[in-house]
């Protein structure tokens, strides 16, 4: 099983823009990194694509607007 740091998810979103819904973002993450990939951060390990989205949303890294699309509010930590 492949493990990817969450920063790579933020980088992917930043490179592709803010046109994602929650569902299309999940699909893009799975398509880009693979279905069996898990994600980790400084404080959490073993997250699925859905969980990494929830994690970053809860940390204020991005939010979904009233239209259901990602709104860029990226605050990528630098380490």
Protein backbone atom coordinates (compact mmCIF):
# COMPACT_ATOMS: atom_id res chain seq x y z
CA UNK A 1 0.00 0.00 0.00
CA UNK A 2 1.32 3.38 -0.99
CA UNK A 3 1.41 6.23 1.54
CA UNK A 4 1.41 9.86 0.43
CA UNK A 5 1.87 12.99 2.54
CA UNK A 6 -1.17 15.23 2.56
CA UNK A 7 0.91 18.10 1.18
CA UNK A 8 0.81 16.31 -2.16
CA UNK A 9 -3.00 16.48 -2.10
CA UNK A 10 -2.87 20.23 -1.43
CA UNK A 11 -0.32 20.63 -4.24
CA UNK A 12 -2.60 18.69 -6.61
CA UNK A 13 -5.60 20.86 -5.79
CA UNK A 14 -3.57 24.04 -6.16
CA UNK A 15 -2.27 22.92 -9.55
CA UNK A 16 -5.73 22.08 -10.87
CA UNK A 17 -7.76 24.97 -9.47
CA UNK A 18 -10.90 25.25 -7.41
CA UNK A 19 -13.51 23.72 -9.68
CA UNK A 20 -13.96 20.56 -7.62
CA UNK A 21 -17.00 19.38 -5.75
CA UNK A 22 -16.38 17.05 -2.82
CA UNK A 23 -17.15 14.05 -5.03
CA UNK A 24 -15.05 15.16 -7.99
CA UNK A 25 -12.16 16.01 -5.65
CA UNK A 26 -12.29 12.52 -4.17
CA UNK A 27 -12.34 11.03 -7.68
CA UNK A 28 -9.35 13.15 -8.75
CA UNK A 29 -7.36 12.14 -5.67
CA UNK A 30 -8.09 8.45 -6.28
CA UNK A 31 -7.33 8.73 -10.01
CA UNK A 32 -4.08 10.59 -9.37
CA UNK A 33 -2.71 8.64 -6.41
CA UNK A 34 -4.48 5.28 -6.72
CA UNK A 35 -7.38 3.56 -4.98
CA UNK A 36 -5.19 1.80 -2.39
CA UNK A 37 -3.18 4.89 -1.41
CA UNK A 38 -3.43 6.14 2.15
CA UNK A 39 -2.51 9.62 3.28
CA UNK A 40 -0.69 10.97 6.29
CA UNK A 41 0.00 14.32 7.91
CA UNK A 42 2.08 15.55 10.79
CA UNK A 43 -0.59 14.30 13.20
CA UNK A 44 -2.59 11.59 11.42
CA UNK A 45 -1.80 8.47 9.42
CA UNK A 46 -3.75 5.98 7.34
CA UNK A 47 -6.36 8.35 5.92
CA UNK A 48 -8.48 7.46 2.89
CA UNK A 49 -9.19 10.02 0.15
CA UNK A 50 -12.46 10.95 1.89
CA UNK A 51 -10.73 11.26 5.25
CA UNK A 52 -7.91 13.45 3.92
CA UNK A 53 -10.52 15.79 2.42
CA UNK A 54 -12.35 15.98 5.76
CA UNK A 55 -9.05 16.43 7.62
CA UNK A 56 -7.91 19.38 5.51
CA UNK A 57 -11.35 20.94 5.54
CA UNK A 58 -11.40 20.74 9.37
CA UNK A 59 -7.93 22.35 9.48
CA UNK A 60 -9.03 25.26 7.26
CA UNK A 61 -6.75 24.29 4.37
CA UNK A 62 -9.72 24.71 2.03
CA UNK A 63 -13.48 24.98 2.25
CA UNK A 64 -16.45 24.22 0.07
CA UNK A 65 -18.51 27.21 -1.01
CA UNK A 66 -22.28 27.52 -1.15
CA UNK A 67 -22.17 26.11 -4.66
CA UNK A 68 -20.45 22.97 -3.32
CA UNK A 69 -17.12 23.71 -4.98
CA UNK A 70 -13.70 24.04 -3.38
CA UNK A 71 -12.77 27.59 -2.48
CA UNK A 72 -9.05 28.23 -2.43
CA UNK A 73 -7.95 29.04 1.10
CA UNK A 74 -4.78 27.01 1.09
CA UNK A 75 -2.55 27.30 4.08
CA UNK A 76 0.09 24.69 3.37
CA UNK A 77 2.49 24.27 6.26
CA UNK A 78 6.15 24.52 5.32
CA UNK A 79 8.06 21.51 6.59
